[in-house]
Amino acid sequence: DTFRDSVASDISDAVNDTYLKLNGNEAG
């Protein structure tokens, strides 16, 4: 709960999602 909602998590998720999709993983 302490970490559930944070700007840092939104940014890291967006970056990781983009990285995975660029490497052919459509599900991100």
PDB file of all heavy atoms in Angstrom:
ATOM      1  N   ASP A   1       0.818  -1.212   0.000  1.00  0.00           N
ATOM      2  CA  ASP A   1       0.000   0.000   0.000  1.00  0.00           C
ATOM      3  C   ASP A   1       0.854   1.265   0.000  1.00  0.00           C
ATOM      4  O   ASP A   1       0.487   2.283  -0.592  1.00  0.00           O
ATOM      5  CB  ASP A   1      -0.937   0.017   1.210  1.00  0.00           C
ATOM      6  CG  ASP A   1      -2.171  -0.842   0.995  1.00  0.00           C
ATOM      7  OD1 ASP A   1      -2.472  -1.172  -0.170  1.00  0.00           O
ATOM      8  OD2 ASP A   1      -2.831  -1.213   1.993  1.00  0.00           O
ATOM      9  N   THR A   2       1.994   1.194   0.676  1.00  0.00           N
ATOM     10  CA  THR A   2       2.894   2.354   0.756  1.00  0.00           C
ATOM     11  C   THR A   2       3.411   2.759  -0.623  1.00  0.00           C
ATOM     12  O   THR A   2       3.649   3.939  -0.891  1.00  0.00           O
ATOM     13  CB  THR A   2       4.095   2.042   1.668  1.00  0.00           C
ATOM     14  OG1 THR A   2       3.611   1.657   2.953  1.00  0.00           O
ATOM     15  CG2 THR A   2       5.011   3.246   1.809  1.00  0.00           C
ATOM     16  N   PHE A   3       3.565   1.783  -1.505  1.00  0.00           N
ATOM     17  CA  PHE A   3       4.186   2.027  -2.803  1.00  0.00           C
ATOM     18  C   PHE A   3       3.206   1.920  -3.972  1.00  0.00           C
ATOM     19  O   PHE A   3       3.589   2.150  -5.124  1.00  0.00           O
ATOM     20  CB  PHE A   3       5.320   1.024  -3.035  1.00  0.00           C
ATOM     21  CG  PHE A   3       6.267   0.896  -1.873  1.00  0.00           C
ATOM     22  CD1 PHE A   3       6.172  -0.175  -0.984  1.00  0.00           C
ATOM     23  CD2 PHE A   3       7.235   1.850  -1.649  1.00  0.00           C
ATOM     24  CE1 PHE A   3       7.029  -0.294   0.093  1.00  0.00           C
ATOM     25  CE2 PHE A   3       8.105   1.748  -0.569  1.00  0.00           C
ATOM     26  CZ  PHE A   3       8.004   0.672   0.307  1.00  0.00           C
ATOM     27  N   ARG A   4       1.955   1.581  -3.660  1.00  0.00           N
ATOM     28  CA  ARG A   4       1.001   1.225  -4.721  1.00  0.00           C
ATOM     29  C   ARG A   4       0.817   2.328  -5.768  1.00  0.00           C
ATOM     30  O   ARG A   4       0.859   2.078  -6.967  1.00  0.00           O
ATOM     31  CB  ARG A   4      -0.347   0.866  -4.099  1.00  0.00           C
ATOM     32  CG  ARG A   4      -1.247   0.068  -5.034  1.00  0.00           C
ATOM     33  CD  ARG A   4      -2.534  -0.333  -4.335  1.00  0.00           C
ATOM     34  NE  ARG A   4      -2.308  -1.124  -3.138  1.00  0.00           N
ATOM     35  CZ  ARG A   4      -2.068  -2.430  -3.137  1.00  0.00           C
ATOM     36  NH1 ARG A   4      -2.019  -3.079  -4.278  1.00  0.00           N
ATOM     37  NH2 ARG A   4      -1.875  -3.071  -1.994  1.00  0.00           N
ATOM     38  N   ASP A   5       0.571   3.539  -5.313  1.00  0.00           N
ATOM     39  CA  ASP A   5       0.324   4.650  -6.239  1.00  0.00           C
ATOM     40  C   ASP A   5       1.461   5.659  -6.146  1.00  0.00           C
ATOM     41  O   ASP A   5       1.588   6.368  -5.153  1.00  0.00           O
ATOM     42  CB  ASP A   5      -0.996   5.340  -5.903  1.00  0.00           C
ATOM     43  CG  ASP A   5      -2.188   4.403  -6.033  1.00  0.00           C
ATOM     44  OD1 ASP A   5      -2.269   3.697  -7.054  1.00  0.00           O
ATOM     45  OD2 ASP A   5      -3.016   4.372  -5.099  1.00  0.00           O
ATOM     46  N   SER A   6       2.287   5.708  -7.186  1.00  0.00           N
ATOM     47  CA  SER A   6       3.407   6.649  -7.194  1.00  0.00           C
ATOM     48  C   SER A   6       3.726   7.057  -8.619  1.00  0.00           C
ATOM     49  O   SER A   6       3.521   6.293  -9.568  1.00  0.00           O
ATOM     50  CB  SER A   6       4.653   6.024  -6.546  1.00  0.00           C
ATOM     51  OG  SER A   6       5.177   4.992  -7.361  1.00  0.00           O
ATOM     52  N   VAL A   7       4.223   8.249  -8.765  1.00  0.00           N
ATOM     53  CA  VAL A   7       4.613   8.752 -10.082  1.00  0.00           C
ATOM     54  C   VAL A   7       5.765   7.911 -10.638  1.00  0.00           C
ATOM     55  O   VAL A   7       5.815   7.602 -11.827  1.00  0.00           O
ATOM     56  CB  VAL A   7       5.034  10.235  -9.991  1.00  0.00           C
ATOM     57  CG1 VAL A   7       5.578  10.718 -11.335  1.00  0.00           C
ATOM     58  CG2 VAL A   7       3.863  11.088  -9.554  1.00  0.00           C
ATOM     59  N   ALA A   8       6.673   7.517  -9.746  1.00  0.00           N
ATOM     60  CA  ALA A   8       7.832   6.722 -10.164  1.00  0.00           C
ATOM     61  C   ALA A   8       7.391   5.409 -10.801  1.00  0.00           C
ATOM     62  O   ALA A   8       7.980   4.961 -11.791  1.00  0.00           O
ATOM     63  CB  ALA A   8       8.740   6.450  -8.968  1.00  0.00           C
ATOM     64  N   SER A   9       6.357   4.771 -10.236  1.00  0.00           N
ATOM     65  CA  SER A   9       5.881   3.502 -10.783  1.00  0.00           C
ATOM     66  C   SER A   9       5.243   3.706 -12.154  1.00  0.00           C
ATOM     67  O   SER A   9       5.394   2.874 -13.052  1.00  0.00           O
ATOM     68  CB  SER A   9       4.885   2.846  -9.831  1.00  0.00           C
ATOM     69  OG  SER A   9       3.688   3.594  -9.745  1.00  0.00           O
ATOM     70  N   ASP A  10       4.527   4.819 -12.332  1.00  0.00           N
ATOM     71  CA  ASP A  10       3.916   5.109 -13.634  1.00  0.00           C
ATOM     72  C   ASP A  10       4.991   5.295 -14.703  1.00  0.00           C
ATOM     73  O   ASP A  10       4.857   4.799 -15.829  1.00  0.00           O
ATOM     74  CB  ASP A  10       3.056   6.376 -13.545  1.00  0.00           C
ATOM     75  CG  ASP A  10       1.822   6.188 -12.672  1.00  0.00           C
ATOM     76  OD1 ASP A  10       1.408   5.027 -12.479  1.00  0.00           O
ATOM     77  OD2 ASP A  10       1.285   7.197 -12.174  1.00  0.00           O
ATOM     78  N   ILE A  11       6.056   6.018 -14.342  1.00  0.00           N
ATOM     79  CA  ILE A  11       7.138   6.267 -15.294  1.00  0.00           C
ATOM     80  C   ILE A  11       7.875   4.972 -15.628  1.00  0.00           C
ATOM     81  O   ILE A  11       8.112   4.656 -16.800  1.00  0.00           O
ATOM     82  CB  ILE A  11       8.115   7.311 -14.734  1.00  0.00           C
ATOM     83  CG1 ILE A  11       7.422   8.662 -14.596  1.00  0.00           C
ATOM     84  CG2 ILE A  11       9.346   7.430 -15.644  1.00  0.00           C
ATOM     85  CD1 ILE A  11       8.255   9.708 -13.892  1.00  0.00           C
ATOM     86  N   SER A  12       8.240   4.206 -14.601  1.00  0.00           N
ATOM     87  CA  SER A  12       8.994   2.968 -14.830  1.00  0.00           C
ATOM     88  C   SER A  12       8.172   1.967 -15.623  1.00  0.00           C
ATOM     89  O   SER A  12       8.698   1.249 -16.479  1.00  0.00           O
ATOM     90  CB  SER A  12       9.432   2.357 -13.501  1.00  0.00           C
ATOM     91  OG  SER A  12       8.324   1.891 -12.757  1.00  0.00           O
ATOM     92  N   ASP A  13       6.847   1.921 -15.360  1.00  0.00           N
ATOM     93  CA  ASP A  13       5.984   1.004 -16.093  1.00  0.00           C
ATOM     94  C   ASP A  13       5.911   1.399 -17.563  1.00  0.00           C
ATOM     95  O   ASP A  13       5.958   0.539 -18.450  1.00  0.00           O
ATOM     96  CB  ASP A  13       4.580   0.997 -15.479  1.00  0.00           C
ATOM     97  CG  ASP A  13       3.673  -0.020 -16.139  1.00  0.00           C
ATOM     98  OD1 ASP A  13       3.870  -1.224 -15.907  1.00  0.00           O
ATOM     99  OD2 ASP A  13       2.768   0.382 -16.913  1.00  0.00           O
ATOM    100  N   ALA A  14       5.815   2.704 -17.824  1.00  0.00           N
ATOM    101  CA  ALA A  14       5.751   3.182 -19.206  1.00  0.00           C
ATOM    102  C   ALA A  14       7.045   2.874 -19.950  1.00  0.00           C
ATOM    103  O   ALA A  14       7.023   2.431 -21.111  1.00  0.00           O
ATOM    104  CB  ALA A  14       5.469   4.682 -19.225  1.00  0.00           C
ATOM    105  N   VAL A  15       8.172   3.096 -19.282  1.00  0.00           N
ATOM    106  CA  VAL A  15       9.474   2.818 -19.905  1.00  0.00           C
ATOM    107  C   VAL A  15       9.639   1.334 -20.173  1.00  0.00           C
ATOM    108  O   VAL A  15      10.044   0.922 -21.274  1.00  0.00           O
ATOM    109  CB  VAL A  15      10.619   3.334 -19.007  1.00  0.00           C
ATOM    110  CG1 VAL A  15      11.973   2.857 -19.538  1.00  0.00           C
ATOM    111  CG2 VAL A  15      10.598   4.856 -18.927  1.00  0.00           C
ATOM    112  N   ASN A  16       9.318   0.502 -19.186  1.00  0.00           N
ATOM    113  CA  ASN A  16       9.460  -0.942 -19.339  1.00  0.00           C
ATOM    114  C   ASN A  16       8.506  -1.475 -20.401  1.00  0.00           C
ATOM    115  O   ASN A  16       8.854  -2.363 -21.191  1.00  0.00           O
ATOM    116  CB  ASN A  16       9.195  -1.634 -17.999  1.00  0.00           C
ATOM    117  CG  ASN A  16       9.670  -3.072 -17.978  1.00  0.00           C
ATOM    118  OD1 ASN A  16      10.557  -3.454 -18.749  1.00  0.00           O
ATOM    119  ND2 ASN A  16       9.088  -3.872 -17.111  1.00  0.00           N
ATOM    120  N   ASP A  17       7.287  -0.943 -20.419  1.00  0.00           N
ATOM    121  CA  ASP A  17       6.303  -1.367 -21.407  1.00  0.00           C
ATOM    122  C   ASP A  17       6.803  -1.071 -22.816  1.00  0.00           C
ATOM    123  O   ASP A  17       6.710  -1.918 -23.725  1.00  0.00           O
ATOM    124  CB  ASP A  17       4.982  -0.640 -21.144  1.00  0.00           C
ATOM    125  CG  ASP A  17       3.853  -1.139 -22.028  1.00  0.00           C
ATOM    126  OD1 ASP A  17       3.422  -2.289 -21.838  1.00  0.00           O
ATOM    127  OD2 ASP A  17       3.402  -0.385 -22.913  1.00  0.00           O
ATOM    128  N   THR A  18       7.367   0.120 -23.010  1.00  0.00           N
ATOM    129  CA  THR A  18       7.903   0.504 -24.321  1.00  0.00           C
ATOM    130  C   THR A  18       9.081  -0.382 -24.703  1.00  0.00           C
ATOM    131  O   THR A  18       9.185  -0.851 -25.850  1.00  0.00           O
ATOM    132  CB  THR A  18       8.348   1.980 -24.305  1.00  0.00           C
ATOM    133  OG1 THR A  18       7.231   2.798 -23.963  1.00  0.00           O
ATOM    134  CG2 THR A  18       8.898   2.393 -25.660  1.00  0.00           C
ATOM    135  N   TYR A  19       9.968  -0.626 -23.745  1.00  0.00           N
ATOM    136  CA  TYR A  19      11.146  -1.479 -23.997  1.00  0.00           C
ATOM    137  C   TYR A  19      10.726  -2.867 -24.451  1.00  0.00           C
ATOM    138  O   TYR A  19      11.256  -3.409 -25.434  1.00  0.00           O
ATOM    139  CB  TYR A  19      11.989  -1.553 -22.721  1.00  0.00           C
ATOM    140  CG  TYR A  19      13.009  -2.664 -22.709  1.00  0.00           C
ATOM    141  CD1 TYR A  19      14.214  -2.537 -23.400  1.00  0.00           C
ATOM    142  CD2 TYR A  19      12.774  -3.850 -22.011  1.00  0.00           C
ATOM    143  CE1 TYR A  19      15.154  -3.557 -23.396  1.00  0.00           C
ATOM    144  CE2 TYR A  19      13.700  -4.872 -21.992  1.00  0.00           C
ATOM    145  CZ  TYR A  19      14.891  -4.726 -22.693  1.00  0.00           C
ATOM    146  OH  TYR A  19      15.806  -5.743 -22.697  1.00  0.00           O
ATOM    147  N   LEU A  20       9.757  -3.464 -23.746  1.00  0.00           N
ATOM    148  CA  LEU A  20       9.321  -4.820 -24.081  1.00  0.00           C
ATOM    149  C   LEU A  20       8.653  -4.863 -25.455  1.00  0.00           C
ATOM    150  O   LEU A  20       8.881  -5.796 -26.233  1.00  0.00           O
ATOM    151  CB  LEU A  20       8.363  -5.343 -23.012  1.00  0.00           C
ATOM    152  CG  LEU A  20       8.992  -5.586 -21.631  1.00  0.00           C
ATOM    153  CD1 LEU A  20       7.914  -5.935 -20.610  1.00  0.00           C
ATOM    154  CD2 LEU A  20      10.038  -6.686 -21.692  1.00  0.00           C
ATOM    155  N   LYS A  21       7.842  -3.866 -25.753  1.00  0.00           N
ATOM    156  CA  LYS A  21       7.162  -3.839 -27.050  1.00  0.00           C
ATOM    157  C   LYS A  21       8.144  -3.630 -28.189  1.00  0.00           C
ATOM    158  O   LYS A  21       7.978  -4.201 -29.272  1.00  0.00           O
ATOM    159  CB  LYS A  21       6.084  -2.758 -27.046  1.00  0.00           C
ATOM    160  CG  LYS A  21       4.868  -3.132 -26.186  1.00  0.00           C
ATOM    161  CD  LYS A  21       3.825  -2.032 -26.143  1.00  0.00           C
ATOM    162  CE  LYS A  21       2.622  -2.465 -25.315  1.00  0.00           C
ATOM    163  NZ  LYS A  21       1.604  -1.388 -25.188  1.00  0.00           N
ATOM    164  N   LEU A  22       9.182  -2.831 -27.973  1.00  0.00           N
ATOM    165  CA  LEU A  22      10.200  -2.633 -28.997  1.00  0.00           C
ATOM    166  C   LEU A  22      10.962  -3.913 -29.291  1.00  0.00           C
ATOM    167  O   LEU A  22      11.516  -4.084 -30.379  1.00  0.00           O
ATOM    168  CB  LEU A  22      11.187  -1.539 -28.558  1.00  0.00           C
ATOM    169  CG  LEU A  22      10.679  -0.097 -28.634  1.00  0.00           C
ATOM    170  CD1 LEU A  22      11.704   0.855 -28.043  1.00  0.00           C
ATOM    171  CD2 LEU A  22      10.347   0.294 -30.075  1.00  0.00           C
ATOM    172  N   ASN A  23      10.984  -4.815 -28.322  1.00  0.00           N
ATOM    173  CA  ASN A  23      11.677  -6.088 -28.505  1.00  0.00           C
ATOM    174  C   ASN A  23      10.734  -7.220 -28.917  1.00  0.00           C
ATOM    175  O   ASN A  23      11.022  -8.396 -28.701  1.00  0.00           O
ATOM    176  CB  ASN A  23      12.430  -6.471 -27.229  1.00  0.00           C
ATOM    177  CG  ASN A  23      13.714  -5.698 -27.079  1.00  0.00           C
ATOM    178  OD1 ASN A  23      14.686  -5.952 -27.790  1.00  0.00           O
ATOM    179  ND2 ASN A  23      13.728  -4.730 -26.169  1.00  0.00           N
ATOM    180  N   GLY A  24       9.592  -6.828 -29.494  1.00  0.00           N
ATOM    181  CA  GLY A  24       8.700  -7.816 -30.082  1.00  0.00           C
ATOM    182  C   GLY A  24       7.676  -8.409 -29.156  1.00  0.00           C
ATOM    183  O   GLY A  24       6.954  -9.333 -29.540  1.00  0.00           O
ATOM    184  N   ASN A  25       7.587  -7.906 -27.916  1.00  0.00           N
ATOM    185  CA  ASN A  25       6.615  -8.433 -26.963  1.00  0.00           C
ATOM    186  C   ASN A  25       5.400  -7.505 -26.963  1.00  0.00           C
ATOM    187  O   ASN A  25       5.385  -6.481 -26.289  1.00  0.00           O
ATOM    188  CB  ASN A  25       7.227  -8.519 -25.564  1.00  0.00           C
ATOM    189  CG  ASN A  25       6.400  -9.361 -24.629  1.00  0.00           C
ATOM    190  OD1 ASN A  25       5.174  -9.448 -24.767  1.00  0.00           O
ATOM    191  ND2 ASN A  25       7.053  -9.992 -23.664  1.00  0.00           N
ATOM    192  N   GLU A  26       4.384  -7.877 -27.728  1.00  0.00           N
ATOM    193  CA  GLU A  26       3.224  -7.003 -27.904  1.00  0.00           C
ATOM    194  C   GLU A  26       2.465  -6.758 -26.606  1.00  0.00           C
ATOM    195  O   GLU A  26       1.794  -5.740 -26.446  1.00  0.00           O
ATOM    196  CB  GLU A  26       2.282  -7.591 -28.950  1.00  0.00           C
ATOM    197  CG  GLU A  26       2.886  -7.649 -30.353  1.00  0.00           C
ATOM    198  CD  GLU A  26       1.926  -8.214 -31.368  1.00  0.00           C
ATOM    199  OE1 GLU A  26       0.783  -8.541 -30.979  1.00  0.00           O
ATOM    200  OE2 GLU A  26       2.313  -8.336 -32.543  1.00  0.00           O
ATOM    201  N   ALA A  27       2.566  -7.688 -25.662  1.00  0.00           N
ATOM    202  CA  ALA A  27       1.838  -7.542 -24.396  1.00  0.00           C
ATOM    203  C   ALA A  27       2.493  -6.536 -23.469  1.00  0.00           C
ATOM    204  O   ALA A  27       1.886  -6.101 -22.491  1.00  0.00           O
ATOM    205  CB  ALA A  27       1.723  -8.897 -23.698  1.00  0.00           C
ATOM    206  N   GLY A  28       3.728  -6.165 -23.735  1.00  0.00           N
ATOM    207  CA  GLY A  28       4.421  -5.208 -22.878  1.00  0.00           C
ATOM    208  C   GLY A  28       4.551  -5.727 -21.454  1.00  0.00           C
ATOM    209  O   GLY A  28       4.861  -6.899 -21.230  1.00  0.00           O
TER     210      GLY A  28
END
